[in-house]
Every structure is written in C-alpha cells, then in structure tokens.
Amino acid sequence: MSDVEDAPHCATRSAQDKSASMDEHPLVFQPLRIAGLLLRNRMVGLPIGLSGFIDGHGAPTERMIALYRRRAAGGAGLITVEIATVEPHACPQAGLLRFDSDQQHSRL
C-alpha cells in the first residue's frame, strides 16, 4: 500500500447537493488517504501567515482556536496552521505559535 492512495468513495452528500463544479472537478471532492490519514476530500486550507492570536507563551488563544474551527467548517479535507516553532529554544521571531511542549498544543 502506498503512502498516498485513493480511498473508497464516501457518499457524504446527496445527489441534490452536487454542484456544477463538483461535476467539473470530481477528484477534488473524492476522499484521499495519505500515510494512513483519511481526508474527506482533496481540498487544503492553506496557512494565513501570522494571526497574532497567541498568548505570551506561544500557545493558541480562544480566538485562534475559533479561527481554525471556522476554517475547518468550510469543508476542506485538511487545514494547515500558520508558521510555528517546535524547538524549545529556537524561536527566531517573537509572536510565533509554539509546539515545543504538551501545554502549547493540548488545546488544538
């Protein structure tokens, strides 16, 4: 099994909900499996840059969590977050989202 493969079709919409764009680009709306992760479609929500919605320790605030929840509700199969650091002492710029401890990422 490859890391990227087509997943079996998952019918999550009724026939009435299909739009003309779905007919024009059917693969975009098909599920996709990447390294064991099943995405409901092939649309990706790209990062938006620096939101500034972090606390003084680099952890996400409720405002950031709400932002990404709204983006996920839009229907993309995968949402990526803004630039972040994962090393505890490698924060080249103040205001970066940090994922260097369980405390920072436990809320996401």
PDB file of N, CA and C in Angstrom:
ATOM      1  N   MET A   1       0.845  -1.177   0.000  1.00  0.00           N
ATOM      2  CA  MET A   1       0.000   0.000   0.000  1.00  0.00           C
ATOM      3  C   MET A   1       0.890   1.240   0.000  1.00  0.00           C
ATOM      4  N   SER A   2       0.628   2.191  -0.874  1.00  0.00           N
ATOM      5  CA  SER A   2       1.451   3.396  -0.931  1.00  0.00           C
ATOM      6  C   SER A   2       1.005   4.392   0.128  1.00  0.00           C
ATOM      7  N   ASP A   3       1.869   5.402   0.385  1.00  0.00           N
ATOM      8  CA  ASP A   3       1.526   6.428   1.367  1.00  0.00           C
ATOM      9  C   ASP A   3       0.383   7.312   0.890  1.00  0.00           C
ATOM     10  N   VAL A   4       0.245   7.477  -0.421  1.00  0.00           N
ATOM     11  CA  VAL A   4      -0.822   8.297  -0.981  1.00  0.00           C
ATOM     12  C   VAL A   4      -1.631   7.416  -1.912  1.00  0.00           C
ATOM     13  N   GLU A   5      -2.900   7.256  -1.605  1.00  0.00           N
ATOM     14  CA  GLU A   5      -3.742   6.414  -2.446  1.00  0.00           C
ATOM     15  C   GLU A   5      -5.167   6.918  -2.407  1.00  0.00           C
ATOM     16  N   ASP A   6      -5.910   6.561  -3.417  1.00  0.00           N
ATOM     17  CA  ASP A   6      -7.326   6.904  -3.434  1.00  0.00           C
ATOM     18  C   ASP A   6      -8.044   6.065  -2.406  1.00  0.00           C
ATOM     19  N   ALA A   7      -8.923   6.695  -1.655  1.00  0.00           N
ATOM     20  CA  ALA A   7      -9.739   5.967  -0.685  1.00  0.00           C
ATOM     21  C   ALA A   7     -11.047   5.600  -1.359  1.00  0.00           C
ATOM     22  N   PRO A   8     -11.721   4.590  -0.858  1.00  0.00           N
ATOM     23  CA  PRO A   8     -13.024   4.258  -1.423  1.00  0.00           C
ATOM     24  C   PRO A   8     -13.950   5.458  -1.331  1.00  0.00           C
ATOM     25  N   HIS A   9     -14.805   5.603  -2.303  1.00  0.00           N
ATOM     26  CA  HIS A   9     -15.720   6.744  -2.325  1.00  0.00           C
ATOM     27  C   HIS A   9     -16.602   6.731  -1.083  1.00  0.00           C
ATOM     28  N   CYS A  10     -16.686   7.875  -0.428  1.00  0.00           N
ATOM     29  CA  CYS A  10     -17.549   8.037   0.734  1.00  0.00           C
ATOM     30  C   CYS A  10     -18.677   8.985   0.345  1.00  0.00           C
ATOM     31  N   ALA A  11     -19.868   8.524   0.320  1.00  0.00           N
ATOM     32  CA  ALA A  11     -21.006   9.363  -0.050  1.00  0.00           C
ATOM     33  C   ALA A  11     -21.425  10.175   1.160  1.00  0.00           C
ATOM     34  N   THR A  12     -21.015  11.439   1.206  1.00  0.00           N
ATOM     35  CA  THR A  12     -21.375  12.296   2.324  1.00  0.00           C
ATOM     36  C   THR A  12     -22.375  13.365   1.908  1.00  0.00           C
ATOM     37  N   ARG A  13     -22.647  13.486   0.619  1.00  0.00           N
ATOM     38  CA  ARG A  13     -23.594  14.481   0.133  1.00  0.00           C
ATOM     39  C   ARG A  13     -24.681  13.782  -0.675  1.00  0.00           C
ATOM     40  N   SER A  14     -25.854  14.346  -0.677  1.00  0.00           N
ATOM     41  CA  SER A  14     -26.910  13.785  -1.504  1.00  0.00           C
ATOM     42  C   SER A  14     -26.702  14.215  -2.943  1.00  0.00           C
ATOM     43  N   ALA A  15     -27.346  13.540  -3.863  1.00  0.00           N
ATOM     44  CA  ALA A  15     -27.227  13.880  -5.278  1.00  0.00           C
ATOM     45  C   ALA A  15     -27.713  15.296  -5.541  1.00  0.00           C
ATOM     46  N   GLN A  16     -28.667  15.765  -4.770  1.00  0.00           N
ATOM     47  CA  GLN A  16     -29.198  17.113  -4.943  1.00  0.00           C
ATOM     48  C   GLN A  16     -28.181  18.171  -4.559  1.00  0.00           C
ATOM     49  N   ASP A  17     -27.239  17.841  -3.666  1.00  0.00           N
ATOM     50  CA  ASP A  17     -26.254  18.806  -3.190  1.00  0.00           C
ATOM     51  C   ASP A  17     -25.094  18.999  -4.154  1.00  0.00           C
ATOM     52  N   LYS A  18     -24.943  18.127  -5.133  1.00  0.00           N
ATOM     53  CA  LYS A  18     -23.810  18.238  -6.046  1.00  0.00           C
ATOM     54  C   LYS A  18     -23.969  19.466  -6.917  1.00  0.00           C
ATOM     55  N   SER A  19     -22.903  20.246  -7.003  1.00  0.00           N
ATOM     56  CA  SER A  19     -22.927  21.448  -7.824  1.00  0.00           C
ATOM     57  C   SER A  19     -22.241  21.184  -9.152  1.00  0.00           C
ATOM     58  N   ALA A  20     -22.309  22.165 -10.039  1.00  0.00           N
ATOM     59  CA  ALA A  20     -21.654  22.042 -11.346  1.00  0.00           C
ATOM     60  C   ALA A  20     -20.148  21.903 -11.174  1.00  0.00           C
ATOM     61  N   SER A  21     -19.562  22.589 -10.199  1.00  0.00           N
ATOM     62  CA  SER A  21     -18.112  22.492 -10.014  1.00  0.00           C
ATOM     63  C   SER A  21     -17.698  21.093  -9.579  1.00  0.00           C
ATOM     64  N   MET A  22     -18.557  20.399  -8.851  1.00  0.00           N
ATOM     65  CA  MET A  22     -18.249  19.020  -8.464  1.00  0.00           C
ATOM     66  C   MET A  22     -18.195  18.133  -9.704  1.00  0.00           C
ATOM     67  N   ASP A  23     -19.075  18.395 -10.651  1.00  0.00           N
ATOM     68  CA  ASP A  23     -19.076  17.622 -11.881  1.00  0.00           C
ATOM     69  C   ASP A  23     -17.847  17.948 -12.728  1.00  0.00           C
ATOM     70  N   GLU A  24     -17.380  19.192 -12.685  1.00  0.00           N
ATOM     71  CA  GLU A  24     -16.225  19.611 -13.464  1.00  0.00           C
ATOM     72  C   GLU A  24     -14.915  19.108 -12.871  1.00  0.00           C
ATOM     73  N   HIS A  25     -14.824  18.985 -11.550  1.00  0.00           N
ATOM     74  CA  HIS A  25     -13.599  18.593 -10.852  1.00  0.00           C
ATOM     75  C   HIS A  25     -13.890  17.470  -9.857  1.00  0.00           C
ATOM     76  N   PRO A  26     -14.309  16.303 -10.335  1.00  0.00           N
ATOM     77  CA  PRO A  26     -14.752  15.268  -9.396  1.00  0.00           C
ATOM     78  C   PRO A  26     -13.668  14.749  -8.460  1.00  0.00           C
ATOM     79  N   LEU A  27     -12.403  14.700  -8.874  1.00  0.00           N
ATOM     80  CA  LEU A  27     -11.360  14.176  -7.983  1.00  0.00           C
ATOM     81  C   LEU A  27     -11.144  15.065  -6.766  1.00  0.00           C
ATOM     82  N   VAL A  28     -11.362  16.356  -6.898  1.00  0.00           N
ATOM     83  CA  VAL A  28     -11.181  17.275  -5.768  1.00  0.00           C
ATOM     84  C   VAL A  28     -12.092  16.891  -4.609  1.00  0.00           C
ATOM     85  N   PHE A  29     -13.233  16.359  -4.913  1.00  0.00           N
ATOM     86  CA  PHE A  29     -14.223  16.047  -3.892  1.00  0.00           C
ATOM     87  C   PHE A  29     -14.176  14.591  -3.433  1.00  0.00           C
ATOM     88  N   GLN A  30     -13.242  13.814  -3.952  1.00  0.00           N
ATOM     89  CA  GLN A  30     -13.108  12.414  -3.562  1.00  0.00           C
ATOM     90  C   GLN A  30     -12.183  12.296  -2.352  1.00  0.00           C
ATOM     91  N   PRO A  31     -12.418  11.337  -1.467  1.00  0.00           N
ATOM     92  CA  PRO A  31     -11.527  11.098  -0.321  1.00  0.00           C
ATOM     93  C   PRO A  31     -10.124  10.713  -0.787  1.00  0.00           C
ATOM     94  N   LEU A  32      -9.156  10.949   0.076  1.00  0.00           N
ATOM     95  CA  LEU A  32      -7.763  10.624  -0.219  1.00  0.00           C
ATOM     96  C   LEU A  32      -7.100  10.142   1.061  1.00  0.00           C
ATOM     97  N   ARG A  33      -6.334   9.065   0.961  1.00  0.00           N
ATOM     98  CA  ARG A  33      -5.584   8.560   2.110  1.00  0.00           C
ATOM     99  C   ARG A  33      -4.121   8.911   1.915  1.00  0.00           C
ATOM    100  N   ILE A  34      -3.529   9.559   2.928  1.00  0.00           N
ATOM    101  CA  ILE A  34      -2.113   9.924   2.918  1.00  0.00           C
ATOM    102  C   ILE A  34      -1.481   9.341   4.175  1.00  0.00           C
ATOM    103  N   ALA A  35      -0.585   8.373   3.997  1.00  0.00           N
ATOM    104  CA  ALA A  35       0.150   7.753   5.113  1.00  0.00           C
ATOM    105  C   ALA A  35      -0.782   7.353   6.263  1.00  0.00           C
ATOM    106  N   GLY A  36      -1.899   6.755   5.945  1.00  0.00           N
ATOM    107  CA  GLY A  36      -2.824   6.278   6.966  1.00  0.00           C
ATOM    108  C   GLY A  36      -3.871   7.288   7.398  1.00  0.00           C
ATOM    109  N   LEU A  37      -3.747   8.541   6.981  1.00  0.00           N
ATOM    110  CA  LEU A  37      -4.717   9.577   7.334  1.00  0.00           C
ATOM    111  C   LEU A  37      -5.736   9.694   6.208  1.00  0.00           C
ATOM    112  N   LEU A  38      -7.008   9.500   6.507  1.00  0.00           N
ATOM    113  CA  LEU A  38      -8.053   9.594   5.502  1.00  0.00           C
ATOM    114  C   LEU A  38      -8.622  11.005   5.505  1.00  0.00           C
ATOM    115  N   LEU A  39      -8.488  11.688   4.367  1.00  0.00           N
ATOM    116  CA  LEU A  39      -9.055  13.025   4.195  1.00  0.00           C
ATOM    117  C   LEU A  39     -10.386  12.888   3.474  1.00  0.00           C
ATOM    118  N   ARG A  40     -11.388  13.669   3.876  1.00  0.00           N
ATOM    119  CA  ARG A  40     -12.713  13.535   3.264  1.00  0.00           C
ATOM    120  C   ARG A  40     -12.770  14.074   1.850  1.00  0.00           C
ATOM    121  N   ASN A  41     -11.819  14.942   1.481  1.00  0.00           N
ATOM    122  CA  ASN A  41     -11.700  15.430   0.116  1.00  0.00           C
ATOM    123  C   ASN A  41     -10.264  15.896  -0.084  1.00  0.00           C
ATOM    124  N   ARG A  42      -9.951  16.449  -1.240  1.00  0.00           N
ATOM    125  CA  ARG A  42      -8.578  16.815  -1.573  1.00  0.00           C
ATOM    126  C   ARG A  42      -8.331  18.312  -1.497  1.00  0.00           C
ATOM    127  N   MET A  43      -9.216  19.035  -0.844  1.00  0.00           N
ATOM    128  CA  MET A  43      -9.041  20.469  -0.669  1.00  0.00           C
ATOM    129  C   MET A  43      -8.223  20.731   0.592  1.00  0.00           C
ATOM    130  N   VAL A  44      -7.292  21.691   0.500  1.00  0.00           N
ATOM    131  CA  VAL A  44      -6.421  22.030   1.618  1.00  0.00           C
ATOM    132  C   VAL A  44      -6.574  23.505   1.946  1.00  0.00           C
ATOM    133  N   GLY A  45      -6.832  23.797   3.218  1.00  0.00           N
ATOM    134  CA  GLY A  45      -6.876  25.175   3.694  1.00  0.00           C
ATOM    135  C   GLY A  45      -5.455  25.594   4.046  1.00  0.00           C
ATOM    136  N   LEU A  46      -4.919  26.530   3.295  1.00  0.00           N
ATOM    137  CA  LEU A  46      -3.528  26.951   3.484  1.00  0.00           C
ATOM    138  C   LEU A  46      -3.384  27.896   4.668  1.00  0.00           C
ATOM    139  N   PRO A  47      -2.166  28.030   5.199  1.00  0.00           N
ATOM    140  CA  PRO A  47      -1.944  28.936   6.326  1.00  0.00           C
ATOM    141  C   PRO A  47      -2.186  30.383   5.911  1.00  0.00           C
ATOM    142  N   ILE A  48      -2.491  31.204   6.888  1.00  0.00           N
ATOM    143  CA  ILE A  48      -2.830  32.596   6.611  1.00  0.00           C
ATOM    144  C   ILE A  48      -1.733  33.559   7.031  1.00  0.00           C
ATOM    145  N   GLY A  49      -0.564  33.070   7.368  1.00  0.00           N
ATOM    146  CA  GLY A  49       0.502  33.940   7.866  1.00  0.00           C
ATOM    147  C   GLY A  49       0.459  33.976   9.379  1.00  0.00           C
ATOM    148  N   LEU A  50       0.829  35.077   9.949  1.00  0.00           N
ATOM    149  CA  LEU A  50       0.822  35.222  11.410  1.00  0.00           C
ATOM    150  C   LEU A  50      -0.471  35.893  11.845  1.00  0.00           C
ATOM    151  N   SER A  51      -1.292  35.162  12.567  1.00  0.00           N
ATOM    152  CA  SER A  51      -2.566  35.720  13.026  1.00  0.00           C
ATOM    153  C   SER A  51      -2.368  36.643  14.218  1.00  0.00           C
ATOM    154  N   GLY A  52      -1.333  36.380  15.021  1.00  0.00           N
ATOM    155  CA  GLY A  52      -1.137  37.145  16.240  1.00  0.00           C
ATOM    156  C   GLY A  52      -2.049  36.703  17.372  1.00  0.00           C
ATOM    157  N   PHE A  53      -2.772  35.611  17.170  1.00  0.00           N
ATOM    158  CA  PHE A  53      -3.730  35.149  18.165  1.00  0.00           C
ATOM    159  C   PHE A  53      -3.114  34.104  19.089  1.00  0.00           C
ATOM    160  N   ILE A  54      -1.980  34.439  19.705  1.00  0.00           N
ATOM    161  CA  ILE A  54      -1.322  33.552  20.659  1.00  0.00           C
ATOM    162  C   ILE A  54      -1.159  34.277  21.979  1.00  0.00           C
ATOM    163  N   ASP A  55      -0.960  33.502  23.041  1.00  0.00           N
ATOM    164  CA  ASP A  55      -0.725  34.148  24.334  1.00  0.00           C
ATOM    165  C   ASP A  55       0.761  34.478  24.474  1.00  0.00           C
ATOM    166  N   GLY A  56       1.180  34.954  25.608  1.00  0.00           N
ATOM    167  CA  GLY A  56       2.560  35.354  25.833  1.00  0.00           C
ATOM    168  C   GLY A  56       3.572  34.218  25.825  1.00  0.00           C
ATOM    169  N   HIS A  57       3.096  32.978  25.793  1.00  0.00           N
ATOM    170  CA  HIS A  57       3.980  31.815  25.801  1.00  0.00           C
ATOM    171  C   HIS A  57       3.966  31.054  24.474  1.00  0.00           C
ATOM    172  N   GLY A  58       3.281  31.593  23.468  1.00  0.00           N
ATOM    173  CA  GLY A  58       3.219  30.935  22.173  1.00  0.00           C
ATOM    174  C   GLY A  58       2.094  29.937  22.036  1.00  0.00           C
ATOM    175  N   ALA A  59       1.225  29.843  23.034  1.00  0.00           N
ATOM    176  CA  ALA A  59       0.090  28.916  22.980  1.00  0.00           C
ATOM    177  C   ALA A  59      -1.087  29.579  22.268  1.00  0.00           C
ATOM    178  N   PRO A  60      -1.927  28.788  21.607  1.00  0.00           N
ATOM    179  CA  PRO A  60      -3.077  29.364  20.905  1.00  0.00           C
ATOM    180  C   PRO A  60      -4.094  29.934  21.885  1.00  0.00           C
ATOM    181  N   THR A  61      -4.702  31.036  21.503  1.00  0.00           N
ATOM    182  CA  THR A  61      -5.770  31.636  22.309  1.00  0.00           C
ATOM    183  C   THR A  61      -7.111  31.104  21.814  1.00  0.00           C
ATOM    184  N   GLU A  62      -8.159  31.394  22.537  1.00  0.00           N
ATOM    185  CA  GLU A  62      -9.505  31.003  22.112  1.00  0.00           C
ATOM    186  C   GLU A  62      -9.820  31.608  20.745  1.00  0.00           C
ATOM    187  N   ARG A  63      -9.323  32.808  20.488  1.00  0.00           N
ATOM    188  CA  ARG A  63      -9.569  33.452  19.193  1.00  0.00           C
ATOM    189  C   ARG A  63      -8.935  32.651  18.055  1.00  0.00           C
ATOM    190  N   MET A  64      -7.710  32.126  18.259  1.00  0.00           N
ATOM    191  CA  MET A  64      -7.057  31.318  17.232  1.00  0.00           C
ATOM    192  C   MET A  64      -7.823  30.014  17.029  1.00  0.00           C
ATOM    193  N   ILE A  65      -8.222  29.383  18.109  1.00  0.00           N
ATOM    194  CA  ILE A  65      -8.967  28.129  18.004  1.00  0.00           C
ATOM    195  C   ILE A  65     -10.269  28.356  17.245  1.00  0.00           C
ATOM    196  N   ALA A  66     -10.961  29.454  17.529  1.00  0.00           N
ATOM    197  CA  ALA A  66     -12.198  29.779  16.818  1.00  0.00           C
ATOM    198  C   ALA A  66     -11.933  30.022  15.332  1.00  0.00           C
ATOM    199  N   LEU A  67     -10.817  30.678  15.013  1.00  0.00           N
ATOM    200  CA  LEU A  67     -10.445  30.931  13.624  1.00  0.00           C
ATOM    201  C   LEU A  67     -10.291  29.624  12.856  1.00  0.00           C
ATOM    202  N   TYR A  68      -9.542  28.677  13.417  1.00  0.00           N
ATOM    203  CA  TYR A  68      -9.321  27.413  12.724  1.00  0.00           C
ATOM    204  C   TYR A  68     -10.570  26.536  12.719  1.00  0.00           C
ATOM    205  N   ARG A  69     -11.424  26.656  13.716  1.00  0.00           N
ATOM    206  CA  ARG A  69     -12.700  25.927  13.683  1.00  0.00           C
ATOM    207  C   ARG A  69     -13.566  26.434  12.533  1.00  0.00           C
ATOM    208  N   ARG A  70     -13.603  27.762  12.338  1.00  0.00           N
ATOM    209  CA  ARG A  70     -14.377  28.327  11.222  1.00  0.00           C
ATOM    210  C   ARG A  70     -13.816  27.853   9.891  1.00  0.00           C
ATOM    211  N   ARG A  71     -12.500  27.820   9.779  1.00  0.00           N
ATOM    212  CA  ARG A  71     -11.879  27.364   8.533  1.00  0.00           C
ATOM    213  C   ARG A  71     -12.194  25.892   8.286  1.00  0.00           C
ATOM    214  N   ALA A  72     -12.153  25.070   9.307  1.00  0.00           N
ATOM    215  CA  ALA A  72     -12.457  23.646   9.160  1.00  0.00           C
ATOM    216  C   ALA A  72     -13.920  23.443   8.776  1.00  0.00           C
ATOM    217  N   ALA A  73     -14.807  24.275   9.286  1.00  0.00           N
ATOM    218  CA  ALA A  73     -16.225  24.160   8.964  1.00  0.00           C
ATOM    219  C   ALA A  73     -16.497  24.470   7.497  1.00  0.00           C
ATOM    220  N   GLY A  74     -15.562  25.113   6.828  1.00  0.00           N
ATOM    221  CA  GLY A  74     -15.726  25.450   5.418  1.00  0.00           C
ATOM    222  C   GLY A  74     -15.678  24.255   4.494  1.00  0.00           C
ATOM    223  N   GLY A  75     -15.220  23.106   4.980  1.00  0.00           N
ATOM    224  CA  GLY A  75     -15.298  21.891   4.193  1.00  0.00           C
ATOM    225  C   GLY A  75     -13.996  21.332   3.669  1.00  0.00           C
ATOM    226  N   ALA A  76     -12.861  21.993   3.875  1.00  0.00           N
ATOM    227  CA  ALA A  76     -11.590  21.460   3.386  1.00  0.00           C
ATOM    228  C   ALA A  76     -11.256  20.157   4.107  1.00  0.00           C
ATOM    229  N   GLY A  77     -10.625  19.237   3.388  1.00  0.00           N
ATOM    230  CA  GLY A  77     -10.238  17.957   3.964  1.00  0.00           C
ATOM    231  C   GLY A  77      -9.050  18.065   4.904  1.00  0.00           C
ATOM    232  N   LEU A  78      -8.224  19.100   4.728  1.00  0.00           N
ATOM    233  CA  LEU A  78      -7.024  19.295   5.545  1.00  0.00           C
ATOM    234  C   LEU A  78      -6.834  20.787   5.777  1.00  0.00           C
ATOM    235  N   ILE A  79      -6.577  21.169   7.006  1.00  0.00           N
ATOM    236  CA  ILE A  79      -6.296  22.564   7.359  1.00  0.00           C
ATOM    237  C   ILE A  79      -4.884  22.624   7.913  1.00  0.00           C
ATOM    238  N   THR A  80      -4.076  23.533   7.407  1.00  0.00           N
ATOM    239  CA  THR A  80      -2.729  23.717   7.947  1.00  0.00           C
ATOM    240  C   THR A  80      -2.705  24.993   8.776  1.00  0.00           C
ATOM    241  N   VAL A  81      -1.843  25.012   9.778  1.00  0.00           N
ATOM    242  CA  VAL A  81      -1.744  26.188  10.647  1.00  0.00           C
ATOM    243  C   VAL A  81      -0.597  27.077  10.195  1.00  0.00           C
ATOM    244  N   GLU A  82      -0.566  28.245  10.764  1.00  0.00           N
ATOM    245  CA  GLU A  82       0.478  29.220  10.448  1.00  0.00           C
ATOM    246  C   GLU A  82       1.854  28.748  10.895  1.00  0.00           C
ATOM    247  N   ILE A  83       2.861  29.519  10.557  1.00  0.00           N
ATOM    248  CA  ILE A  83       4.234  29.193  10.928  1.00  0.00           C
ATOM    249  C   ILE A  83       4.329  28.986  12.441  1.00  0.00           C
ATOM    250  N   ALA A  84       5.083  27.978  12.819  1.00  0.00           N
ATOM    251  CA  ALA A  84       5.221  27.627  14.235  1.00  0.00           C
ATOM    252  C   ALA A  84       6.614  27.073  14.478  1.00  0.00           C
ATOM    253  N   THR A  85       7.029  27.105  15.728  1.00  0.00           N
ATOM    254  CA  THR A  85       8.306  26.513  16.103  1.00  0.00           C
ATOM    255  C   THR A  85       8.053  25.269  16.944  1.00  0.00           C
ATOM    256  N   VAL A  86       8.916  24.271  16.800  1.00  0.00           N
ATOM    257  CA  VAL A  86       8.777  23.039  17.563  1.00  0.00           C
ATOM    258  C   VAL A  86       9.956  22.802  18.497  1.00  0.00           C
ATOM    259  N   GLU A  87      10.952  23.654  18.450  1.00  0.00           N
ATOM    260  CA  GLU A  87      12.130  23.541  19.312  1.00  0.00           C
ATOM    261  C   GLU A  87      11.992  24.539  20.462  1.00  0.00           C
ATOM    262  N   PRO A  88      12.240  24.111  21.699  1.00  0.00           N
ATOM    263  CA  PRO A  88      12.001  24.989  22.853  1.00  0.00           C
ATOM    264  C   PRO A  88      12.853  26.260  22.874  1.00  0.00           C
ATOM    265  N   HIS A  89      14.043  26.228  22.307  1.00  0.00           N
ATOM    266  CA  HIS A  89      14.902  27.417  22.374  1.00  0.00           C
ATOM    267  C   HIS A  89      15.204  27.987  21.001  1.00  0.00           C
ATOM    268  N   ALA A  90      14.412  27.615  20.012  1.00  0.00           N
ATOM    269  CA  ALA A  90      14.655  28.075  18.646  1.00  0.00           C
ATOM    270  C   ALA A  90      13.502  28.944  18.170  1.00  0.00           C
ATOM    271  N   CYS A  91      13.232  30.011  18.867  1.00  0.00           N
ATOM    272  CA  CYS A  91      12.146  30.915  18.485  1.00  0.00           C
ATOM    273  C   CYS A  91      12.770  32.157  17.835  1.00  0.00           C
ATOM    274  N   PRO A  92      12.966  32.125  16.521  1.00  0.00           N
ATOM    275  CA  PRO A  92      13.648  33.216  15.862  1.00  0.00           C
ATOM    276  C   PRO A  92      12.862  34.519  15.830  1.00  0.00           C
ATOM    277  N   GLN A  93      11.580  34.448  16.076  1.00  0.00           N
ATOM    278  CA  GLN A  93      10.748  35.638  15.998  1.00  0.00           C
ATOM    279  C   GLN A  93       9.711  35.600  17.106  1.00  0.00           C
ATOM    280  N   ALA A  94       9.577  36.707  17.815  1.00  0.00           N
ATOM    281  CA  ALA A  94       8.541  36.789  18.845  1.00  0.00           C
ATOM    282  C   ALA A  94       7.176  36.693  18.178  1.00  0.00           C
ATOM    283  N   GLY A  95       6.227  36.105  18.849  1.00  0.00           N
ATOM    284  CA  GLY A  95       4.876  36.022  18.323  1.00  0.00           C
ATOM    285  C   GLY A  95       4.585  34.777  17.519  1.00  0.00           C
ATOM    286  N   LEU A  96       5.509  33.808  17.503  1.00  0.00           N
ATOM    287  CA  LEU A  96       5.256  32.569  16.766  1.00  0.00           C
ATOM    288  C   LEU A  96       4.482  31.578  17.617  1.00  0.00           C
ATOM    289  N   LEU A  97       3.616  30.857  16.966  1.00  0.00           N
ATOM    290  CA  LEU A  97       2.923  29.738  17.587  1.00  0.00           C
ATOM    291  C   LEU A  97       3.979  28.694  17.933  1.00  0.00           C
ATOM    292  N   ARG A  98       3.880  28.121  19.131  1.00  0.00           N
ATOM    293  CA  ARG A  98       4.900  27.154  19.574  1.00  0.00           C
ATOM    294  C   ARG A  98       4.263  25.809  19.863  1.00  0.00           C
ATOM    295  N   PHE A  99       4.953  24.759  19.424  1.00  0.00           N
ATOM    296  CA  PHE A  99       4.540  23.387  19.695  1.00  0.00           C
ATOM    297  C   PHE A  99       5.702  22.631  20.309  1.00  0.00           C
ATOM    298  N   ASP A 100       6.346  23.212  21.302  1.00  0.00           N
ATOM    299  CA  ASP A 100       7.508  22.571  21.913  1.00  0.00           C
ATOM    300  C   ASP A 100       7.190  21.942  23.271  1.00  0.00           C
ATOM    301  N   SER A 101       5.936  21.929  23.647  1.00  0.00           N
ATOM    302  CA  SER A 101       5.536  21.246  24.874  1.00  0.00           C
ATOM    303  C   SER A 101       4.059  20.843  24.777  1.00  0.00           C
ATOM    304  N   ASP A 102       3.666  19.898  25.605  1.00  0.00           N
ATOM    305  CA  ASP A 102       2.277  19.460  25.614  1.00  0.00           C
ATOM    306  C   ASP A 102       1.336  20.604  25.966  1.00  0.00           C
ATOM    307  N   GLN A 103       1.801  21.543  26.777  1.00  0.00           N
ATOM    308  CA  GLN A 103       0.962  22.661  27.199  1.00  0.00           C
ATOM    309  C   GLN A 103       0.508  23.498  26.001  1.00  0.00           C
ATOM    310  N   GLN A 104       1.412  23.731  25.046  1.00  0.00           N
ATOM    311  CA  GLN A 104       1.055  24.573  23.905  1.00  0.00           C
ATOM    312  C   GLN A 104       0.078  23.910  22.948  1.00  0.00           C
ATOM    313  N   HIS A 105       0.203  22.633  22.689  1.00  0.00           N
ATOM    314  CA  HIS A 105      -0.633  22.032  21.651  1.00  0.00           C
ATOM    315  C   HIS A 105      -1.806  21.219  22.175  1.00  0.00           C
ATOM    316  N   SER A 106      -1.952  21.096  23.469  1.00  0.00           N
ATOM    317  CA  SER A 106      -3.030  20.264  24.009  1.00  0.00           C
ATOM    318  C   SER A 106      -4.410  20.842  23.681  1.00  0.00           C
ATOM    319  N   ARG A 107      -4.518  22.133  23.417  1.00  0.00           N
ATOM    320  CA  ARG A 107      -5.805  22.754  23.140  1.00  0.00           C
ATOM    321  C   ARG A 107      -6.205  22.620  21.683  1.00  0.00           C
ATOM    322  N   LEU A 108      -5.266  22.281  20.827  1.00  0.00           N
ATOM    323  CA  LEU A 108      -5.617  22.124  19.405  1.00  0.00           C
ATOM    324  C   LEU A 108      -5.957  20.710  19.182  1.00  0.00           C
TER     325      LEU A 108
END
